[in-house]
N, C-alpha and C. Protein backbone atom coordinates (compact mmCIF):
# COMPACT_ATOMS: atom_id res chain seq x y z
N MET A 1 -38.53 -21.21 121.21
CA MET A 1 -38.64 -22.56 121.73
C MET A 1 -37.28 -23.00 122.25
N ASN A 2 -37.24 -23.50 123.49
CA ASN A 2 -35.94 -23.94 124.00
C ASN A 2 -35.75 -25.42 123.76
N ASP A 3 -34.53 -25.91 123.98
CA ASP A 3 -34.17 -27.30 123.66
C ASP A 3 -34.93 -28.33 124.49
N ASP A 4 -35.49 -27.92 125.63
CA ASP A 4 -36.15 -28.89 126.50
C ASP A 4 -37.64 -29.05 126.21
N GLU A 5 -38.21 -28.21 125.32
CA GLU A 5 -39.62 -28.33 125.00
C GLU A 5 -39.86 -29.59 124.18
N LYS A 6 -41.03 -30.19 124.39
CA LYS A 6 -41.38 -31.41 123.69
C LYS A 6 -42.56 -31.13 122.77
N ILE A 7 -42.39 -31.36 121.50
CA ILE A 7 -43.45 -31.19 120.52
C ILE A 7 -43.54 -32.48 119.74
N PRO A 8 -44.76 -33.08 119.66
CA PRO A 8 -44.88 -34.32 118.90
C PRO A 8 -44.30 -34.17 117.50
N GLY A 9 -43.52 -35.15 117.10
CA GLY A 9 -42.93 -35.15 115.77
C GLY A 9 -41.62 -34.39 115.68
N MET A 10 -41.30 -33.57 116.69
CA MET A 10 -40.04 -32.83 116.72
C MET A 10 -39.37 -33.17 118.05
N PHE A 11 -38.09 -33.47 118.02
CA PHE A 11 -37.42 -33.89 119.23
C PHE A 11 -36.27 -32.96 119.56
N SER A 12 -36.21 -32.55 120.81
CA SER A 12 -35.04 -31.83 121.27
C SER A 12 -33.98 -32.85 121.64
N LYS A 13 -32.77 -32.39 121.86
CA LYS A 13 -31.71 -33.33 122.21
C LYS A 13 -31.96 -33.94 123.59
N ASN A 14 -32.80 -33.31 124.40
CA ASN A 14 -33.08 -33.81 125.74
C ASN A 14 -34.41 -34.55 125.84
N PHE A 15 -35.06 -34.83 124.71
CA PHE A 15 -36.37 -35.47 124.71
C PHE A 15 -36.31 -36.87 125.29
N LEU A 16 -37.12 -37.13 126.28
CA LEU A 16 -37.30 -38.46 126.84
C LEU A 16 -38.79 -38.62 127.14
N MET A 17 -39.28 -39.81 126.98
CA MET A 17 -40.65 -40.08 127.40
C MET A 17 -40.64 -41.34 128.24
N ASN A 18 -41.57 -41.42 129.15
CA ASN A 18 -41.74 -42.62 129.96
C ASN A 18 -43.03 -43.30 129.56
N LEU A 19 -42.93 -44.55 129.20
CA LEU A 19 -44.12 -45.35 128.95
C LEU A 19 -44.42 -46.11 130.23
N ARG A 20 -45.58 -45.86 130.78
CA ARG A 20 -45.99 -46.51 132.03
C ARG A 20 -46.58 -47.88 131.73
N ILE A 21 -46.00 -48.91 132.31
CA ILE A 21 -46.49 -50.27 132.16
C ILE A 21 -47.17 -50.66 133.47
N ALA A 22 -48.43 -51.05 133.38
CA ALA A 22 -49.19 -51.50 134.55
C ALA A 22 -50.17 -52.57 134.09
N PRO A 23 -50.37 -53.61 134.90
CA PRO A 23 -51.21 -54.72 134.49
C PRO A 23 -52.63 -54.32 134.05
N ASN A 24 -53.21 -53.33 134.70
CA ASN A 24 -54.59 -52.93 134.40
C ASN A 24 -54.70 -51.89 133.30
N ARG A 25 -53.59 -51.45 132.78
CA ARG A 25 -53.58 -50.44 131.72
C ARG A 25 -54.01 -51.06 130.40
N LEU A 26 -54.82 -50.33 129.63
CA LEU A 26 -55.23 -50.81 128.32
C LEU A 26 -54.08 -50.71 127.32
N ILE A 27 -53.99 -51.69 126.44
CA ILE A 27 -52.99 -51.65 125.37
C ILE A 27 -53.17 -50.37 124.56
N SER A 28 -54.40 -49.99 124.29
CA SER A 28 -54.65 -48.78 123.48
C SER A 28 -54.10 -47.52 124.14
N ASP A 29 -54.12 -47.45 125.46
CA ASP A 29 -53.56 -46.27 126.14
C ASP A 29 -52.05 -46.19 125.95
N LEU A 30 -51.39 -47.32 126.04
CA LEU A 30 -49.93 -47.36 125.82
C LEU A 30 -49.61 -47.02 124.37
N GLN A 31 -50.41 -47.55 123.43
CA GLN A 31 -50.21 -47.25 122.02
C GLN A 31 -50.38 -45.76 121.74
N LYS A 32 -51.37 -45.13 122.35
CA LYS A 32 -51.61 -43.69 122.16
C LYS A 32 -50.45 -42.87 122.69
N ASP A 33 -49.96 -43.23 123.88
CA ASP A 33 -48.82 -42.50 124.45
C ASP A 33 -47.62 -42.56 123.51
N PHE A 34 -47.32 -43.74 122.99
CA PHE A 34 -46.19 -43.91 122.08
C PHE A 34 -46.43 -43.14 120.78
N ASN A 35 -47.63 -43.25 120.24
CA ASN A 35 -47.95 -42.61 118.96
C ASN A 35 -47.97 -41.08 119.07
N ASN A 36 -48.26 -40.55 120.25
CA ASN A 36 -48.20 -39.09 120.44
C ASN A 36 -46.77 -38.58 120.26
N ALA A 37 -45.80 -39.37 120.68
CA ALA A 37 -44.40 -38.99 120.54
C ALA A 37 -43.85 -39.33 119.16
N PHE A 38 -44.34 -40.42 118.58
CA PHE A 38 -43.86 -40.91 117.29
C PHE A 38 -45.08 -41.14 116.38
N PRO A 39 -45.59 -40.08 115.76
CA PRO A 39 -46.86 -40.18 115.01
C PRO A 39 -46.83 -41.10 113.80
N PHE A 40 -45.67 -41.48 113.31
CA PHE A 40 -45.59 -42.36 112.15
C PHE A 40 -45.15 -43.78 112.53
N LEU A 41 -45.21 -44.07 113.85
CA LEU A 41 -44.88 -45.40 114.37
C LEU A 41 -46.02 -45.88 115.26
N LYS A 42 -46.13 -47.19 115.39
CA LYS A 42 -47.08 -47.73 116.36
C LYS A 42 -46.52 -49.01 116.96
N LEU A 43 -47.00 -49.32 118.15
CA LEU A 43 -46.64 -50.55 118.83
C LEU A 43 -47.78 -51.53 118.69
N GLU A 44 -47.44 -52.78 118.39
CA GLU A 44 -48.41 -53.86 118.43
C GLU A 44 -47.94 -54.86 119.47
N PHE A 45 -48.89 -55.36 120.23
CA PHE A 45 -48.60 -56.34 121.28
C PHE A 45 -49.08 -57.70 120.81
N PHE A 46 -48.27 -58.72 121.08
CA PHE A 46 -48.54 -60.07 120.61
C PHE A 46 -48.59 -61.04 121.77
N ARG A 47 -49.36 -62.11 121.58
CA ARG A 47 -49.31 -63.20 122.55
C ARG A 47 -47.86 -63.65 122.59
N ASN A 48 -47.38 -63.97 123.77
CA ASN A 48 -45.97 -64.37 123.88
C ASN A 48 -45.68 -65.47 122.89
N ARG A 49 -44.75 -65.16 122.04
CA ARG A 49 -44.39 -66.09 120.97
C ARG A 49 -43.45 -67.17 121.48
N ASN A 50 -43.37 -68.20 120.71
CA ASN A 50 -42.40 -69.25 120.95
C ASN A 50 -41.03 -68.64 120.66
N GLN A 51 -40.14 -68.65 121.62
CA GLN A 51 -38.84 -68.01 121.47
C GLN A 51 -38.00 -68.62 120.34
N GLN A 52 -38.33 -69.85 119.92
CA GLN A 52 -37.57 -70.48 118.86
C GLN A 52 -38.05 -70.03 117.47
N ILE A 53 -39.22 -69.40 117.43
CA ILE A 53 -39.75 -68.92 116.15
C ILE A 53 -39.77 -67.39 116.21
N PRO A 54 -38.83 -66.72 115.54
CA PRO A 54 -38.69 -65.28 115.69
C PRO A 54 -39.66 -64.44 114.85
N VAL A 55 -40.83 -65.01 114.50
CA VAL A 55 -41.76 -64.30 113.64
C VAL A 55 -43.12 -64.22 114.32
N PHE A 56 -43.75 -63.06 114.22
CA PHE A 56 -45.11 -62.89 114.72
C PHE A 56 -46.08 -63.10 113.57
N THR A 57 -47.28 -63.57 113.90
CA THR A 57 -48.34 -63.63 112.91
C THR A 57 -49.44 -62.67 113.35
N PHE A 58 -50.25 -62.25 112.39
CA PHE A 58 -51.32 -61.31 112.72
C PHE A 58 -52.35 -61.94 113.65
N GLN A 59 -52.45 -63.27 113.65
CA GLN A 59 -53.37 -63.94 114.56
C GLN A 59 -52.91 -63.81 116.02
N GLN A 60 -51.65 -63.49 116.22
CA GLN A 60 -51.11 -63.35 117.57
C GLN A 60 -51.27 -61.93 118.14
N ILE A 61 -51.72 -60.99 117.34
CA ILE A 61 -51.87 -59.62 117.84
C ILE A 61 -52.94 -59.58 118.92
N LEU A 62 -52.61 -58.94 120.03
CA LEU A 62 -53.57 -58.77 121.12
C LEU A 62 -54.49 -57.60 120.79
N PRO A 63 -55.78 -57.75 121.07
CA PRO A 63 -56.72 -56.64 120.81
C PRO A 63 -56.35 -55.40 121.60
N TYR A 64 -56.52 -54.24 120.99
CA TYR A 64 -56.14 -52.98 121.62
C TYR A 64 -56.93 -52.69 122.89
N ASN A 65 -58.13 -53.29 123.03
CA ASN A 65 -58.94 -53.03 124.22
C ASN A 65 -58.66 -54.02 125.36
N ASN A 66 -57.64 -54.88 125.18
CA ASN A 66 -57.18 -55.76 126.26
C ASN A 66 -56.38 -54.95 127.27
N ARG A 67 -56.37 -55.43 128.48
CA ARG A 67 -55.45 -54.90 129.48
C ARG A 67 -54.10 -55.55 129.22
N ILE A 68 -53.04 -54.87 129.57
CA ILE A 68 -51.69 -55.36 129.29
C ILE A 68 -51.46 -56.76 129.86
N ALA A 69 -52.01 -57.03 131.04
CA ALA A 69 -51.75 -58.31 131.70
C ALA A 69 -52.63 -59.45 131.19
N GLU A 70 -53.65 -59.16 130.39
CA GLU A 70 -54.53 -60.23 129.92
C GLU A 70 -53.76 -61.21 129.04
N GLY A 71 -53.83 -62.46 129.42
CA GLY A 71 -53.17 -63.50 128.64
C GLY A 71 -51.66 -63.52 128.77
N GLN A 72 -51.11 -62.76 129.69
CA GLN A 72 -49.66 -62.69 129.87
C GLN A 72 -49.28 -63.24 131.23
N ALA A 73 -48.01 -63.55 131.38
CA ALA A 73 -47.48 -63.94 132.69
C ALA A 73 -47.61 -62.72 133.60
N ALA A 74 -47.31 -62.89 134.85
CA ALA A 74 -47.43 -61.80 135.82
C ALA A 74 -46.66 -60.57 135.36
N ILE A 75 -47.39 -59.50 135.13
CA ILE A 75 -46.80 -58.23 134.70
C ILE A 75 -46.74 -57.33 135.93
N THR A 76 -45.59 -56.71 136.15
CA THR A 76 -45.46 -55.78 137.27
C THR A 76 -45.45 -54.35 136.74
N ASP A 77 -45.75 -53.42 137.63
CA ASP A 77 -45.71 -52.00 137.27
C ASP A 77 -44.28 -51.58 136.99
N GLY A 78 -44.13 -50.65 136.07
CA GLY A 78 -42.81 -50.12 135.78
C GLY A 78 -42.88 -49.10 134.66
N ASP A 79 -41.75 -48.54 134.34
CA ASP A 79 -41.66 -47.54 133.29
C ASP A 79 -40.57 -47.94 132.30
N ILE A 80 -40.78 -47.56 131.06
CA ILE A 80 -39.75 -47.69 130.04
C ILE A 80 -39.40 -46.28 129.61
N GLU A 81 -38.13 -45.93 129.75
CA GLU A 81 -37.65 -44.63 129.32
C GLU A 81 -37.29 -44.73 127.83
N VAL A 82 -37.97 -43.92 127.03
CA VAL A 82 -37.80 -43.97 125.58
C VAL A 82 -37.23 -42.64 125.10
N ASN A 83 -36.23 -42.73 124.23
CA ASN A 83 -35.72 -41.52 123.60
C ASN A 83 -35.63 -41.78 122.10
N PRO A 84 -35.67 -40.74 121.29
CA PRO A 84 -35.70 -40.91 119.84
C PRO A 84 -34.46 -41.58 119.25
N ASP A 85 -33.34 -41.58 119.99
CA ASP A 85 -32.12 -42.18 119.47
C ASP A 85 -31.95 -43.64 119.87
N MET A 86 -32.96 -44.18 120.54
CA MET A 86 -32.99 -45.61 120.88
C MET A 86 -33.29 -46.41 119.62
N ARG A 87 -32.62 -47.52 119.44
CA ARG A 87 -32.88 -48.38 118.28
C ARG A 87 -34.15 -49.20 118.53
N VAL A 88 -34.85 -49.49 117.45
CA VAL A 88 -36.10 -50.24 117.54
C VAL A 88 -35.89 -51.56 118.28
N LYS A 89 -34.82 -52.27 117.92
CA LYS A 89 -34.58 -53.57 118.56
C LYS A 89 -34.31 -53.42 120.06
N GLU A 90 -33.75 -52.29 120.48
CA GLU A 90 -33.51 -52.05 121.90
C GLU A 90 -34.84 -51.88 122.65
N LEU A 91 -35.76 -51.12 122.07
CA LEU A 91 -37.06 -50.92 122.70
C LEU A 91 -37.82 -52.25 122.80
N GLU A 92 -37.83 -53.00 121.72
CA GLU A 92 -38.54 -54.29 121.72
C GLU A 92 -37.92 -55.25 122.75
N LYS A 93 -36.61 -55.21 122.88
CA LYS A 93 -35.90 -56.07 123.85
C LYS A 93 -36.25 -55.66 125.29
N ILE A 94 -36.37 -54.38 125.56
CA ILE A 94 -36.74 -53.92 126.91
C ILE A 94 -38.13 -54.44 127.27
N PHE A 95 -39.08 -54.32 126.34
CA PHE A 95 -40.42 -54.85 126.60
C PHE A 95 -40.35 -56.34 126.94
N GLN A 96 -39.57 -57.08 126.17
CA GLN A 96 -39.47 -58.53 126.39
C GLN A 96 -38.74 -58.86 127.68
N ASP A 97 -37.57 -58.27 127.89
CA ASP A 97 -36.74 -58.62 129.04
C ASP A 97 -37.30 -58.14 130.37
N GLN A 98 -37.83 -56.93 130.42
CA GLN A 98 -38.29 -56.36 131.69
C GLN A 98 -39.74 -56.70 132.02
N PHE A 99 -40.57 -56.94 130.97
CA PHE A 99 -41.99 -57.13 131.23
C PHE A 99 -42.57 -58.39 130.58
N SER A 100 -41.73 -59.19 129.92
CA SER A 100 -42.19 -60.39 129.21
C SER A 100 -43.31 -60.07 128.23
N LEU A 101 -43.22 -58.91 127.60
CA LEU A 101 -44.22 -58.49 126.61
C LEU A 101 -43.61 -58.58 125.22
N ALA A 102 -44.30 -59.27 124.33
CA ALA A 102 -43.86 -59.37 122.94
C ALA A 102 -44.44 -58.19 122.18
N VAL A 103 -43.55 -57.30 121.74
CA VAL A 103 -43.94 -56.05 121.09
C VAL A 103 -43.18 -55.92 119.78
N GLN A 104 -43.84 -55.37 118.79
CA GLN A 104 -43.21 -55.08 117.49
C GLN A 104 -43.55 -53.64 117.12
N VAL A 105 -42.55 -52.89 116.67
CA VAL A 105 -42.76 -51.53 116.17
C VAL A 105 -43.13 -51.61 114.69
N PHE A 106 -44.16 -50.86 114.32
CA PHE A 106 -44.58 -50.75 112.92
C PHE A 106 -44.39 -49.31 112.47
N ARG A 107 -44.10 -49.12 111.20
CA ARG A 107 -43.91 -47.79 110.62
C ARG A 107 -44.98 -47.54 109.57
N ARG A 108 -45.52 -46.34 109.58
CA ARG A 108 -46.51 -45.95 108.59
C ARG A 108 -45.85 -45.80 107.22
N SER A 109 -46.52 -46.32 106.21
CA SER A 109 -46.08 -46.17 104.82
C SER A 109 -47.33 -45.86 104.02
N GLY A 110 -47.61 -44.56 103.85
CA GLY A 110 -48.86 -44.16 103.21
C GLY A 110 -50.02 -44.55 104.11
N ASN A 111 -50.90 -45.42 103.62
CA ASN A 111 -52.02 -45.85 104.45
C ASN A 111 -51.82 -47.28 104.98
N LEU A 112 -50.59 -47.79 104.91
CA LEU A 112 -50.26 -49.12 105.41
C LEU A 112 -49.33 -49.00 106.62
N TRP A 113 -49.30 -50.05 107.43
CA TRP A 113 -48.34 -50.16 108.52
C TRP A 113 -47.42 -51.33 108.23
N LEU A 114 -46.11 -51.08 108.21
CA LEU A 114 -45.11 -52.11 107.91
C LEU A 114 -44.34 -52.48 109.16
N GLU A 115 -44.08 -53.78 109.32
CA GLU A 115 -43.20 -54.21 110.40
C GLU A 115 -41.81 -53.65 110.10
N THR A 116 -41.09 -53.32 111.15
CA THR A 116 -39.75 -52.75 110.98
C THR A 116 -38.66 -53.80 111.17
N THR A 117 -38.99 -55.06 110.97
CA THR A 117 -38.03 -56.13 111.27
C THR A 117 -36.72 -55.99 110.49
N MET A 118 -36.79 -55.52 109.26
CA MET A 118 -35.57 -55.39 108.46
C MET A 118 -34.77 -54.14 108.81
N THR A 119 -35.39 -53.22 109.52
CA THR A 119 -34.71 -51.97 109.89
C THR A 119 -34.71 -51.78 111.41
N ASP A 120 -34.64 -52.88 112.15
CA ASP A 120 -34.61 -52.80 113.61
C ASP A 120 -33.36 -52.11 114.15
N ASN A 121 -32.33 -51.94 113.30
CA ASN A 121 -31.13 -51.21 113.73
C ASN A 121 -31.31 -49.70 113.62
N TRP A 122 -32.38 -49.26 112.97
CA TRP A 122 -32.65 -47.83 112.87
C TRP A 122 -33.14 -47.32 114.21
N THR A 123 -32.90 -46.03 114.46
CA THR A 123 -33.43 -45.42 115.67
C THR A 123 -34.91 -45.12 115.48
N LEU A 124 -35.59 -44.88 116.59
CA LEU A 124 -37.00 -44.49 116.52
C LEU A 124 -37.15 -43.19 115.73
N ARG A 125 -36.20 -42.29 115.89
CA ARG A 125 -36.22 -41.03 115.15
C ARG A 125 -36.14 -41.29 113.64
N GLN A 126 -35.20 -42.16 113.22
CA GLN A 126 -35.06 -42.48 111.79
C GLN A 126 -36.33 -43.14 111.25
N GLN A 127 -36.87 -44.08 112.00
CA GLN A 127 -38.09 -44.76 111.57
C GLN A 127 -39.24 -43.76 111.41
N ASN A 128 -39.41 -42.91 112.41
CA ASN A 128 -40.51 -41.94 112.39
C ASN A 128 -40.35 -40.96 111.22
N GLU A 129 -39.12 -40.50 111.01
CA GLU A 129 -38.85 -39.56 109.92
C GLU A 129 -39.10 -40.23 108.57
N HIS A 130 -38.66 -41.47 108.41
CA HIS A 130 -38.89 -42.18 107.16
C HIS A 130 -40.39 -42.38 106.92
N GLY A 131 -41.11 -42.71 107.98
CA GLY A 131 -42.57 -42.84 107.88
C GLY A 131 -43.21 -41.53 107.47
N ARG A 132 -42.72 -40.43 108.03
CA ARG A 132 -43.26 -39.11 107.68
C ARG A 132 -42.99 -38.82 106.21
N GLU A 133 -41.77 -39.10 105.76
CA GLU A 133 -41.40 -38.80 104.37
C GLU A 133 -42.24 -39.58 103.37
N ILE A 134 -42.49 -40.85 103.63
CA ILE A 134 -43.21 -41.66 102.65
C ILE A 134 -44.72 -41.59 102.83
N SER A 135 -45.18 -40.97 103.91
CA SER A 135 -46.62 -40.87 104.16
C SER A 135 -47.18 -39.49 103.90
N THR A 136 -46.31 -38.49 103.82
CA THR A 136 -46.76 -37.13 103.58
C THR A 136 -47.17 -36.99 102.12
N ASP A 137 -48.31 -36.39 101.91
CA ASP A 137 -48.83 -36.22 100.55
C ASP A 137 -48.10 -35.07 99.88
N ASN A 138 -46.91 -35.38 99.36
CA ASN A 138 -46.10 -34.37 98.67
C ASN A 138 -45.67 -34.98 97.34
N LYS A 139 -46.31 -34.54 96.29
CA LYS A 139 -46.06 -35.12 94.97
C LYS A 139 -44.61 -34.96 94.53
N GLU A 140 -43.96 -33.88 94.95
CA GLU A 140 -42.55 -33.69 94.56
C GLU A 140 -41.67 -34.78 95.14
N ASN A 141 -41.97 -35.21 96.38
CA ASN A 141 -41.17 -36.26 97.00
C ASN A 141 -41.41 -37.61 96.35
N ASP A 142 -42.62 -37.82 95.81
CA ASP A 142 -42.96 -39.11 95.22
C ASP A 142 -42.47 -39.22 93.80
N PHE A 143 -42.20 -38.12 93.13
CA PHE A 143 -41.83 -38.13 91.72
C PHE A 143 -40.53 -38.91 91.52
N GLY A 144 -40.61 -39.92 90.69
CA GLY A 144 -39.40 -40.68 90.35
C GLY A 144 -39.03 -41.76 91.34
N LYS A 145 -39.82 -41.93 92.43
CA LYS A 145 -39.48 -42.98 93.39
C LYS A 145 -39.91 -44.33 92.87
N ASP A 146 -39.18 -45.32 93.26
CA ASP A 146 -39.51 -46.69 92.92
C ASP A 146 -40.69 -47.12 93.78
N ASP A 147 -41.83 -47.45 93.18
CA ASP A 147 -43.02 -47.86 93.92
C ASP A 147 -42.76 -49.06 94.80
N ASP A 148 -41.86 -49.94 94.38
CA ASP A 148 -41.54 -51.11 95.15
C ASP A 148 -40.99 -50.75 96.52
N GLU A 149 -40.35 -49.58 96.62
CA GLU A 149 -39.75 -49.14 97.87
C GLU A 149 -40.79 -49.00 98.97
N LEU A 150 -42.04 -48.71 98.62
CA LEU A 150 -43.07 -48.51 99.62
C LEU A 150 -43.61 -49.81 100.19
N SER A 151 -43.32 -50.92 99.56
CA SER A 151 -43.91 -52.18 100.02
C SER A 151 -42.90 -53.10 100.71
N ARG A 152 -41.69 -52.61 100.90
CA ARG A 152 -40.73 -53.46 101.58
C ARG A 152 -40.02 -52.63 102.66
N ASP A 153 -39.45 -53.32 103.59
CA ASP A 153 -38.75 -52.70 104.69
C ASP A 153 -37.33 -53.24 104.66
N ALA A 154 -36.40 -52.46 104.13
CA ALA A 154 -35.02 -52.94 104.00
C ALA A 154 -34.06 -51.85 104.44
N ASP A 155 -32.92 -52.26 104.94
CA ASP A 155 -31.88 -51.30 105.28
C ASP A 155 -31.40 -50.63 104.01
N HIS A 156 -31.34 -49.32 104.01
CA HIS A 156 -30.80 -48.57 102.89
C HIS A 156 -30.29 -47.24 103.35
């Protein structure tokens, strides 16, 4: 395997993916593209939040079968270049600044999805790897871990 090959869950130093943003594209298609590259992460799209309130609520999540432009300001076609060493907050900021899309990255934790708000400084690679570690059914890895660690998202 050479350094330029792309395998889901494994990243070469040259790994880049383009997320295609288009008004008629389904949210679920964009989520699948992202999840193929980062199997322990997912994107959720939210109704544009009030910029003064930096918190999303689950009632604001857009249905996965919506088109990207539904309920949003004018969305133009474009691409987001994503690499595993990009920080979560950088990706979320690109969605907001370039496409006026409110997006939050979630990380898998066993059978739950956690917002990454407390670890937005982590790279996508770190988030995905941490999700893999805590979601893989490996009793040796779980032995002696603090159960509380699985229910919170904190820098450590």
